[in-house]
Amino acid sequence: MLFELLLISLGINGVFFLIAATLRSDLFTDLTYSLSFILLSLYLGIQAPLFHPVQYINLLLVILWALRLGGYLFRRILLIKVDHRFDDRRDSFIRFGSFWLLQALTVWIVMLPLAGSSVPPSPGALPPWGILISAAGWAGFAAGLIIQWIADRQKFAFKSREENSGKFMKDGLWSRSRHPNYFGEMLIWWGLGIASVPFFRSHEFLYFAGPLFITLMLRYVSGVPLLEKQADKKWGEKPEYRDYKARTPLIIPRILPASSGSDSPGESSRDTER
């Protein structure tokens, strides 16, 4: 099953990579990322021996997340036209292809908890503790989805206004975390991992490498480091950005308002991008 999922992910991303490389377009990258999760979830739902509604709910939640994220990212690329992550990759078949290969592997690894839980449950009905664990995971998923949705919506609305061109985002959830959307993403996958636990046997717990992988990728490789570098290059000389960076947590949101240096209500609509 795992090998089949890997082949599907590589196949989807390989086809769209060739299209994107031929057209020199950034339109397909994030759309393919979301589509890969949808197709792998559908494959598991059709081919895997699922016997409990909880297993189907987990897969449906992945599809729900992917549809929302894919829709948002597609609207965003239509607005911004160019994804600057690929400025130094787009003209190199190998460098551009390496990103798509990493994307395909990321989808496969992140889906490991769902693949590991796609087995028949132990004889008899799922015990109450199992349902409670899955419910706790769903709560984490819901919290992450809401946080990510709000953060994306706030950023998209801001960047859609011409008067905000060249400004950095520091309002709403972005006043409590410099990357609240990534915090939401992490909650989503840890939540789905927890929701899958009742169907694990023993070694399947190694499948928590999925949420751990996406957490480390966002924190240290493809997410936060790139955006922090871009932000420092754009606004690193601005005192207000340095103040924002000093008082705003990197990922985990601050619960209470900042004790000092926070903006007054009349100033809250300025300086936002990302």
C-alpha atoms as a PDB file:
ATOM      1  CA  MET A   1       0.000   0.000   0.000  1.00  0.00           C
ATOM      2  CA  LEU A   2       2.758   2.456   0.911  1.00  0.00           C
ATOM      3  CA  PHE A   3       4.604   1.786  -2.343  1.00  0.00           C
ATOM      4  CA  GLU A   4       1.419   2.311  -4.336  1.00  0.00           C
ATOM      5  CA  LEU A   5       0.796   5.640  -2.618  1.00  0.00           C
ATOM      6  CA  LEU A   6       4.362   6.710  -3.363  1.00  0.00           C
ATOM      7  CA  LEU A   7       3.956   5.868  -7.047  1.00  0.00           C
ATOM      8  CA  ILE A   8       0.707   7.835  -7.231  1.00  0.00           C
ATOM      9  CA  SER A   9       2.271  10.885  -5.605  1.00  0.00           C
ATOM     10  CA  LEU A  10       5.337  10.719  -7.851  1.00  0.00           C
ATOM     11  CA  GLY A  11       3.149  10.240 -10.922  1.00  0.00           C
ATOM     12  CA  ILE A  12       0.851  13.193 -10.219  1.00  0.00           C
ATOM     13  CA  ASN A  13       3.702  15.547  -9.436  1.00  0.00           C
ATOM     14  CA  GLY A  14       5.796  14.261 -12.330  1.00  0.00           C
ATOM     15  CA  VAL A  15       3.076  14.987 -14.886  1.00  0.00           C
ATOM     16  CA  PHE A  16       2.376  18.482 -13.616  1.00  0.00           C
ATOM     17  CA  PHE A  17       6.083  19.220 -13.261  1.00  0.00           C
ATOM     18  CA  LEU A  18       6.555  18.569 -16.971  1.00  0.00           C
ATOM     19  CA  ILE A  19       3.636  20.882 -17.753  1.00  0.00           C
ATOM     20  CA  ALA A  20       4.924  23.607 -15.424  1.00  0.00           C
ATOM     21  CA  ALA A  21       8.483  23.320 -16.756  1.00  0.00           C
ATOM     22  CA  THR A  22       7.307  23.457 -20.372  1.00  0.00           C
ATOM     23  CA  LEU A  23       5.078  26.485 -19.801  1.00  0.00           C
ATOM     24  CA  ARG A  24       7.469  28.051 -17.272  1.00  0.00           C
ATOM     25  CA  SER A  25       4.444  28.563 -15.070  1.00  0.00           C
ATOM     26  CA  ASP A  26       3.937  28.694 -11.298  1.00  0.00           C
ATOM     27  CA  LEU A  27       0.212  28.090 -11.659  1.00  0.00           C
ATOM     28  CA  PHE A  28       0.283  24.345 -11.052  1.00  0.00           C
ATOM     29  CA  THR A  29       2.667  23.854  -8.129  1.00  0.00           C
ATOM     30  CA  ASP A  30       0.477  24.426  -5.079  1.00  0.00           C
ATOM     31  CA  LEU A  31      -2.601  23.182  -6.917  1.00  0.00           C
ATOM     32  CA  THR A  32      -0.851  19.862  -7.527  1.00  0.00           C
ATOM     33  CA  TYR A  33       0.167  19.695  -3.869  1.00  0.00           C
ATOM     34  CA  SER A  34      -3.477  19.815  -2.790  1.00  0.00           C
ATOM     35  CA  LEU A  35      -4.631  17.520  -5.589  1.00  0.00           C
ATOM     36  CA  SER A  36      -2.097  14.896  -4.511  1.00  0.00           C
ATOM     37  CA  PHE A  37      -3.595  14.698  -1.018  1.00  0.00           C
ATOM     38  CA  ILE A  38      -7.089  14.389  -2.466  1.00  0.00           C
ATOM     39  CA  LEU A  39      -6.183  11.573  -4.850  1.00  0.00           C
ATOM     40  CA  LEU A  40      -4.205   9.642  -2.238  1.00  0.00           C
ATOM     41  CA  SER A  41      -7.116   9.928   0.196  1.00  0.00           C
ATOM     42  CA  LEU A  42      -9.573   8.718  -2.441  1.00  0.00           C
ATOM     43  CA  TYR A  43      -7.282   5.809  -3.273  1.00  0.00           C
ATOM     44  CA  LEU A  44      -7.084   4.783   0.380  1.00  0.00           C
ATOM     45  CA  GLY A  45     -10.845   5.060   0.731  1.00  0.00           C
ATOM     46  CA  ILE A  46     -11.433   2.861  -2.308  1.00  0.00           C
ATOM     47  CA  GLN A  47      -8.606   0.334  -2.097  1.00  0.00           C
ATOM     48  CA  ALA A  48      -7.785  -0.008   1.596  1.00  0.00           C
ATOM     49  CA  PRO A  49      -9.792  -2.396   3.821  1.00  0.00           C
ATOM     50  CA  LEU A  50     -11.553   0.268   5.876  1.00  0.00           C
ATOM     51  CA  PHE A  51     -14.242  -1.027   8.203  1.00  0.00           C
ATOM     52  CA  HIS A  52     -15.041   1.823  10.564  1.00  0.00           C
ATOM     53  CA  PRO A  53     -16.649   5.267   9.990  1.00  0.00           C
ATOM     54  CA  VAL A  54     -13.799   6.927  11.897  1.00  0.00           C
ATOM     55  CA  GLN A  55     -11.373   5.836   9.196  1.00  0.00           C
ATOM     56  CA  TYR A  56     -13.523   7.395   6.488  1.00  0.00           C
ATOM     57  CA  ILE A  57     -13.945  10.580   8.513  1.00  0.00           C
ATOM     58  CA  ASN A  58     -10.169  10.932   8.752  1.00  0.00           C
ATOM     59  CA  LEU A  59      -9.829  10.686   4.981  1.00  0.00           C
ATOM     60  CA  LEU A  60     -12.708  13.109   4.410  1.00  0.00           C
ATOM     61  CA  LEU A  61     -10.999  15.631   6.690  1.00  0.00           C
ATOM     62  CA  VAL A  62      -7.855  15.433   4.563  1.00  0.00           C
ATOM     63  CA  ILE A  63      -9.950  16.095   1.457  1.00  0.00           C
ATOM     64  CA  LEU A  64     -11.722  19.012   3.171  1.00  0.00           C
ATOM     65  CA  TRP A  65      -8.392  20.565   4.147  1.00  0.00           C
ATOM     66  CA  ALA A  66      -6.918  20.040   0.671  1.00  0.00           C
ATOM     67  CA  LEU A  67      -9.929  21.573  -1.089  1.00  0.00           C
ATOM     68  CA  ARG A  68      -9.785  24.667   1.100  1.00  0.00           C
ATOM     69  CA  LEU A  69      -6.027  25.079   0.829  1.00  0.00           C
ATOM     70  CA  GLY A  70      -5.985  24.382  -2.898  1.00  0.00           C
ATOM     71  CA  GLY A  71      -8.727  26.922  -3.535  1.00  0.00           C
ATOM     72  CA  TYR A  72      -6.927  29.569  -1.516  1.00  0.00           C
ATOM     73  CA  LEU A  73      -3.535  28.941  -3.107  1.00  0.00           C
ATOM     74  CA  PHE A  74      -5.032  28.970  -6.605  1.00  0.00           C
ATOM     75  CA  ARG A  75      -6.707  32.325  -5.961  1.00  0.00           C
ATOM     76  CA  ARG A  76      -3.438  33.624  -4.558  1.00  0.00           C
ATOM     77  CA  ILE A  77      -1.318  32.637  -7.557  1.00  0.00           C
ATOM     78  CA  LEU A  78      -3.890  34.187  -9.883  1.00  0.00           C
ATOM     79  CA  LEU A  79      -3.473  37.414  -7.898  1.00  0.00           C
ATOM     80  CA  ILE A  80       0.313  37.516  -7.540  1.00  0.00           C
ATOM     81  CA  LYS A  81       1.054  35.814 -10.920  1.00  0.00           C
ATOM     82  CA  VAL A  82       4.554  34.687  -9.884  1.00  0.00           C
ATOM     83  CA  ASP A  83       5.766  32.515  -7.016  1.00  0.00           C
ATOM     84  CA  HIS A  84       9.125  33.988  -6.072  1.00  0.00           C
ATOM     85  CA  ARG A  85      10.207  30.747  -4.412  1.00  0.00           C
ATOM     86  CA  PHE A  86      11.094  29.564  -7.903  1.00  0.00           C
ATOM     87  CA  ASP A  87      12.966  32.616  -9.182  1.00  0.00           C
ATOM     88  CA  ASP A  88      16.282  30.769  -8.924  1.00  0.00           C
ATOM     89  CA  ARG A  89      14.833  27.398  -9.965  1.00  0.00           C
ATOM     90  CA  ARG A  90      12.436  27.999 -12.841  1.00  0.00           C
ATOM     91  CA  ASP A  91      15.123  28.100 -15.535  1.00  0.00           C
ATOM     92  CA  SER A  92      16.859  24.949 -14.317  1.00  0.00           C
ATOM     93  CA  PHE A  93      15.175  21.657 -15.156  1.00  0.00           C
ATOM     94  CA  ILE A  94      17.058  19.869 -12.379  1.00  0.00           C
ATOM     95  CA  ARG A  95      16.568  22.503  -9.659  1.00  0.00           C
ATOM     96  CA  PHE A  96      12.910  22.996 -10.557  1.00  0.00           C
ATOM     97  CA  GLY A  97      12.408  19.249 -10.752  1.00  0.00           C
ATOM     98  CA  SER A  98      14.040  18.711  -7.366  1.00  0.00           C
ATOM     99  CA  PHE A  99      11.382  20.914  -5.775  1.00  0.00           C
ATOM    100  CA  TRP A 100       8.604  18.872  -7.380  1.00  0.00           C
ATOM    101  CA  LEU A 101      10.275  15.640  -6.267  1.00  0.00           C
ATOM    102  CA  LEU A 102      10.464  16.943  -2.703  1.00  0.00           C
ATOM    103  CA  GLN A 103       6.807  17.940  -2.929  1.00  0.00           C
ATOM    104  CA  ALA A 104       5.802  14.434  -4.037  1.00  0.00           C
ATOM    105  CA  LEU A 105       7.791  12.843  -1.212  1.00  0.00           C
ATOM    106  CA  THR A 106       6.345  15.314   1.292  1.00  0.00           C
ATOM    107  CA  VAL A 107       2.779  14.366   0.379  1.00  0.00           C
ATOM    108  CA  TRP A 108       3.605  10.683   0.759  1.00  0.00           C
ATOM    109  CA  ILE A 109       5.367  11.079   4.113  1.00  0.00           C
ATOM    110  CA  VAL A 110       2.690  13.359   5.566  1.00  0.00           C
ATOM    111  CA  MET A 111       0.013  10.814   4.624  1.00  0.00           C
ATOM    112  CA  LEU A 112       1.770   8.015   6.545  1.00  0.00           C
ATOM    113  CA  PRO A 113      -0.563   8.118   9.603  1.00  0.00           C
ATOM    114  CA  LEU A 114      -3.592   7.801   7.331  1.00  0.00           C
ATOM    115  CA  ALA A 115      -1.990   4.931   5.444  1.00  0.00           C
ATOM    116  CA  GLY A 116      -0.985   3.231   8.701  1.00  0.00           C
ATOM    117  CA  SER A 117      -4.532   3.451  10.017  1.00  0.00           C
ATOM    118  CA  SER A 118      -6.092   2.076   6.824  1.00  0.00           C
ATOM    119  CA  VAL A 119      -6.340  -1.426   8.228  1.00  0.00           C
ATOM    120  CA  PRO A 120      -9.256  -3.411   9.641  1.00  0.00           C
ATOM    121  CA  PRO A 121      -9.805  -2.551  13.313  1.00  0.00           C
ATOM    122  CA  SER A 122      -9.327  -5.212  15.948  1.00  0.00           C
ATOM    123  CA  PRO A 123     -12.209  -7.676  16.251  1.00  0.00           C
ATOM    124  CA  GLY A 124     -15.273  -6.064  17.737  1.00  0.00           C
ATOM    125  CA  ALA A 125     -16.442  -2.478  17.819  1.00  0.00           C
ATOM    126  CA  LEU A 126     -13.983   0.359  18.343  1.00  0.00           C
ATOM    127  CA  PRO A 127     -13.754   0.829  22.143  1.00  0.00           C
ATOM    128  CA  PRO A 128     -14.879   4.123  23.718  1.00  0.00           C
ATOM    129  CA  TRP A 129     -11.278   5.135  24.398  1.00  0.00           C
ATOM    130  CA  GLY A 130     -10.565   4.824  20.698  1.00  0.00           C
ATOM    131  CA  ILE A 131     -13.417   7.126  19.766  1.00  0.00           C
ATOM    132  CA  LEU A 132     -12.307   9.624  22.429  1.00  0.00           C
ATOM    133  CA  ILE A 133      -8.759   9.651  21.051  1.00  0.00           C
ATOM    134  CA  SER A 134     -10.039  10.199  17.523  1.00  0.00           C
ATOM    135  CA  ALA A 135     -12.339  12.970  18.768  1.00  0.00           C
ATOM    136  CA  ALA A 136      -9.368  14.668  20.436  1.00  0.00           C
ATOM    137  CA  GLY A 137      -7.494  14.457  17.154  1.00  0.00           C
ATOM    138  CA  TRP A 138     -10.455  15.936  15.286  1.00  0.00           C
ATOM    139  CA  ALA A 139     -10.543  18.813  17.762  1.00  0.00           C
ATOM    140  CA  GLY A 140      -6.886  19.518  17.004  1.00  0.00           C
ATOM    141  CA  PHE A 141      -7.613  19.310  13.289  1.00  0.00           C
ATOM    142  CA  ALA A 142     -10.562  21.703  13.608  1.00  0.00           C
ATOM    143  CA  ALA A 143      -8.516  24.211  15.605  1.00  0.00           C
ATOM    144  CA  GLY A 144      -5.724  24.069  13.048  1.00  0.00           C
ATOM    145  CA  LEU A 145      -8.088  24.410  10.099  1.00  0.00           C
ATOM    146  CA  ILE A 146      -9.808  27.438  11.622  1.00  0.00           C
ATOM    147  CA  ILE A 147      -6.501  29.116  12.473  1.00  0.00           C
ATOM    148  CA  GLN A 148      -5.100  28.466   9.006  1.00  0.00           C
ATOM    149  CA  TRP A 149      -8.296  29.637   7.302  1.00  0.00           C
ATOM    150  CA  ILE A 150      -8.455  32.878   9.288  1.00  0.00           C
ATOM    151  CA  ALA A 151      -4.745  33.589   8.772  1.00  0.00           C
ATOM    152  CA  ASP A 152      -4.960  32.954   5.028  1.00  0.00           C
ATOM    153  CA  ARG A 153      -8.124  35.029   4.716  1.00  0.00           C
ATOM    154  CA  GLN A 154      -6.603  37.959   6.592  1.00  0.00           C
ATOM    155  CA  LYS A 155      -3.447  37.886   4.495  1.00  0.00           C
ATOM    156  CA  PHE A 156      -5.293  37.528   1.192  1.00  0.00           C
ATOM    157  CA  ALA A 157      -7.651  40.405   2.019  1.00  0.00           C
ATOM    158  CA  PHE A 158      -4.715  42.622   2.938  1.00  0.00           C
ATOM    159  CA  LYS A 159      -2.639  41.837  -0.128  1.00  0.00           C
ATOM    160  CA  SER A 160      -5.652  42.430  -2.361  1.00  0.00           C
ATOM    161  CA  ARG A 161      -5.623  46.129  -1.420  1.00  0.00           C
ATOM    162  CA  GLU A 162      -3.254  48.212  -3.530  1.00  0.00           C
ATOM    163  CA  GLU A 163      -2.578  50.681  -0.717  1.00  0.00           C
ATOM    164  CA  ASN A 164      -0.883  47.883   1.224  1.00  0.00           C
ATOM    165  CA  SER A 165       1.696  47.156  -1.466  1.00  0.00           C
ATOM    166  CA  GLY A 166       5.146  46.790   0.051  1.00  0.00           C
ATOM    167  CA  LYS A 167       3.912  46.592   3.646  1.00  0.00           C
ATOM    168  CA  PHE A 168       4.235  43.712   6.060  1.00  0.00           C
ATOM    169  CA  MET A 169       1.513  41.792   7.866  1.00  0.00           C
ATOM    170  CA  LYS A 170       1.126  42.455  11.573  1.00  0.00           C
ATOM    171  CA  ASP A 171      -2.630  42.511  12.202  1.00  0.00           C
ATOM    172  CA  GLY A 172      -5.177  39.932  13.312  1.00  0.00           C
ATOM    173  CA  LEU A 173      -3.620  36.538  13.959  1.00  0.00           C
ATOM    174  CA  TRP A 174      -0.413  37.902  12.474  1.00  0.00           C
ATOM    175  CA  SER A 175      -0.067  40.174  15.497  1.00  0.00           C
ATOM    176  CA  ARG A 176       0.213  37.068  17.689  1.00  0.00           C
ATOM    177  CA  SER A 177       2.410  34.913  15.457  1.00  0.00           C
ATOM    178  CA  ARG A 178       4.630  35.692  12.491  1.00  0.00           C
ATOM    179  CA  HIS A 179       3.458  32.468  10.830  1.00  0.00           C
ATOM    180  CA  PRO A 180      -0.005  31.547  12.198  1.00  0.00           C
ATOM    181  CA  ASN A 181      -0.912  29.686   9.009  1.00  0.00           C
ATOM    182  CA  TYR A 182       1.978  27.283   9.568  1.00  0.00           C
ATOM    183  CA  PHE A 183       0.950  26.804  13.182  1.00  0.00           C
ATOM    184  CA  GLY A 184      -2.495  25.829  11.904  1.00  0.00           C
ATOM    185  CA  GLU A 185      -0.939  23.421   9.413  1.00  0.00           C
ATOM    186  CA  MET A 186       1.031  21.702  12.144  1.00  0.00           C
ATOM    187  CA  LEU A 187      -2.078  21.327  14.315  1.00  0.00           C
ATOM    188  CA  ILE A 188      -3.969  19.838  11.376  1.00  0.00           C
ATOM    189  CA  TRP A 189      -1.498  17.017  10.785  1.00  0.00           C
ATOM    190  CA  TRP A 190      -0.794  16.244  14.426  1.00  0.00           C
ATOM    191  CA  GLY A 191      -4.556  16.148  14.939  1.00  0.00           C
ATOM    192  CA  LEU A 192      -5.043  13.689  12.092  1.00  0.00           C
ATOM    193  CA  GLY A 193      -2.150  11.603  13.399  1.00  0.00           C
ATOM    194  CA  ILE A 194      -3.793  11.387  16.820  1.00  0.00           C
ATOM    195  CA  ALA A 195      -7.167  10.582  15.234  1.00  0.00           C
ATOM    196  CA  SER A 196      -5.511   7.624  13.492  1.00  0.00           C
ATOM    197  CA  VAL A 197      -4.030   6.115  16.676  1.00  0.00           C
ATOM    198  CA  PRO A 198      -6.961   3.761  17.534  1.00  0.00           C
ATOM    199  CA  PHE A 199      -6.231   1.815  14.347  1.00  0.00           C
ATOM    200  CA  PHE A 200      -2.488   1.494  14.893  1.00  0.00           C
ATOM    201  CA  ARG A 201      -1.045  -1.855  15.919  1.00  0.00           C
ATOM    202  CA  SER A 202       2.558  -1.425  17.032  1.00  0.00           C
ATOM    203  CA  HIS A 203       5.086  -0.295  14.442  1.00  0.00           C
ATOM    204  CA  GLU A 204       2.467   2.002  12.905  1.00  0.00           C
ATOM    205  CA  PHE A 205       3.361   4.541  15.581  1.00  0.00           C
ATOM    206  CA  LEU A 206       6.435   5.169  13.463  1.00  0.00           C
ATOM    207  CA  TYR A 207       4.007   6.774  11.026  1.00  0.00           C
ATOM    208  CA  PHE A 208       4.020   9.817  13.285  1.00  0.00           C
ATOM    209  CA  ALA A 209       7.060  10.626  11.181  1.00  0.00           C
ATOM    210  CA  GLY A 210       4.416  12.256   8.948  1.00  0.00           C
ATOM    211  CA  PRO A 211       3.363  15.151  11.202  1.00  0.00           C
ATOM    212  CA  LEU A 212       6.901  15.390  12.562  1.00  0.00           C
ATOM    213  CA  PHE A 213       8.238  15.728   9.020  1.00  0.00           C
ATOM    214  CA  ILE A 214       5.845  18.517   8.007  1.00  0.00           C
ATOM    215  CA  THR A 215       6.583  20.326  11.268  1.00  0.00           C
ATOM    216  CA  LEU A 216      10.332  20.210  10.668  1.00  0.00           C
ATOM    217  CA  MET A 217       9.941  21.101   6.986  1.00  0.00           C
ATOM    218  CA  LEU A 218       7.866  24.186   7.727  1.00  0.00           C
ATOM    219  CA  ARG A 219      10.062  25.272  10.610  1.00  0.00           C
ATOM    220  CA  TYR A 220      13.518  24.630   9.205  1.00  0.00           C
ATOM    221  CA  VAL A 221      13.391  24.070   5.423  1.00  0.00           C
ATOM    222  CA  SER A 222      10.673  25.228   3.044  1.00  0.00           C
ATOM    223  CA  GLY A 223       8.438  27.507   5.085  1.00  0.00           C
ATOM    224  CA  VAL A 224       9.612  29.759   7.873  1.00  0.00           C
ATOM    225  CA  PRO A 225      13.285  30.169   6.814  1.00  0.00           C
ATOM    226  CA  LEU A 226      12.383  31.314   3.293  1.00  0.00           C
ATOM    227  CA  LEU A 227       9.745  33.796   4.448  1.00  0.00           C
ATOM    228  CA  GLU A 228      11.905  35.129   7.263  1.00  0.00           C
ATOM    229  CA  LYS A 229      14.762  35.679   4.821  1.00  0.00           C
ATOM    230  CA  GLN A 230      12.477  37.489   2.379  1.00  0.00           C
ATOM    231  CA  ALA A 231      10.998  39.611   5.160  1.00  0.00           C
ATOM    232  CA  ASP A 232      14.417  40.575   6.511  1.00  0.00           C
ATOM    233  CA  LYS A 233      15.510  41.560   3.012  1.00  0.00           C
ATOM    234  CA  LYS A 234      12.419  43.726   2.448  1.00  0.00           C
ATOM    235  CA  TRP A 235      11.876  45.299   5.839  1.00  0.00           C
ATOM    236  CA  GLY A 236      14.889  44.449   7.976  1.00  0.00           C
ATOM    237  CA  GLU A 237      16.004  48.087   8.088  1.00  0.00           C
ATOM    238  CA  LYS A 238      12.615  49.362   9.253  1.00  0.00           C
ATOM    239  CA  PRO A 239      12.404  49.952  13.019  1.00  0.00           C
ATOM    240  CA  GLU A 240       8.710  49.032  13.081  1.00  0.00           C
ATOM    241  CA  TYR A 241       9.457  45.665  11.494  1.00  0.00           C
ATOM    242  CA  ARG A 242      12.313  44.997  13.890  1.00  0.00           C
ATOM    243  CA  ASP A 243       9.970  45.844  16.771  1.00  0.00           C
ATOM    244  CA  TYR A 244       7.273  43.557  15.347  1.00  0.00           C
ATOM    245  CA  LYS A 245       9.789  40.739  14.954  1.00  0.00           C
ATOM    246  CA  ALA A 246      11.139  41.202  18.478  1.00  0.00           C
ATOM    247  CA  ARG A 247       7.744  41.076  20.202  1.00  0.00           C
ATOM    248  CA  THR A 248       5.889  38.541  18.025  1.00  0.00           C
ATOM    249  CA  PRO A 249       6.465  34.774  18.435  1.00  0.00           C
ATOM    250  CA  LEU A 250       7.751  32.941  15.399  1.00  0.00           C
ATOM    251  CA  ILE A 251       5.084  30.208  15.171  1.00  0.00           C
ATOM    252  CA  ILE A 252       3.169  29.411  18.368  1.00  0.00           C
ATOM    253  CA  PRO A 253       0.739  32.323  18.817  1.00  0.00           C
ATOM    254  CA  ARG A 254       0.907  34.572  21.828  1.00  0.00           C
ATOM    255  CA  ILE A 255      -2.315  34.170  23.799  1.00  0.00           C
ATOM    256  CA  LEU A 256      -2.306  37.480  25.675  1.00  0.00           C
ATOM    257  CA  PRO A 257      -1.796  40.871  24.006  1.00  0.00           C
ATOM    258  CA  ALA A 258       1.738  42.226  23.981  1.00  0.00           C
ATOM    259  CA  SER A 259       2.507  44.082  27.190  1.00  0.00           C
ATOM    260  CA  SER A 260       4.359  46.860  25.432  1.00  0.00           C
ATOM    261  CA  GLY A 261       5.020  48.205  21.990  1.00  0.00           C
ATOM    262  CA  SER A 262       1.656  47.025  20.663  1.00  0.00           C
ATOM    263  CA  ASP A 263      -0.254  49.112  18.183  1.00  0.00           C
ATOM    264  CA  SER A 264      -3.195  51.273  19.052  1.00  0.00           C
ATOM    265  CA  PRO A 265      -6.490  50.470  17.307  1.00  0.00           C
ATOM    266  CA  GLY A 266      -6.012  53.368  14.932  1.00  0.00           C
ATOM    267  CA  GLU A 267      -2.685  51.967  13.737  1.00  0.00           C
ATOM    268  CA  SER A 268      -3.748  48.370  13.219  1.00  0.00           C
ATOM    269  CA  SER A 269      -4.468  48.609   9.488  1.00  0.00           C
ATOM    270  CA  ARG A 270      -0.983  49.562   8.366  1.00  0.00           C
ATOM    271  CA  ASP A 271       2.045  47.650   7.165  1.00  0.00           C
ATOM    272  CA  THR A 272       1.096  44.200   6.100  1.00  0.00           C
ATOM    273  CA  GLU A 273       2.120  41.727   3.416  1.00  0.00           C
ATOM    274  CA  ARG A 274       3.344  38.136   3.347  1.00  0.00           C
END
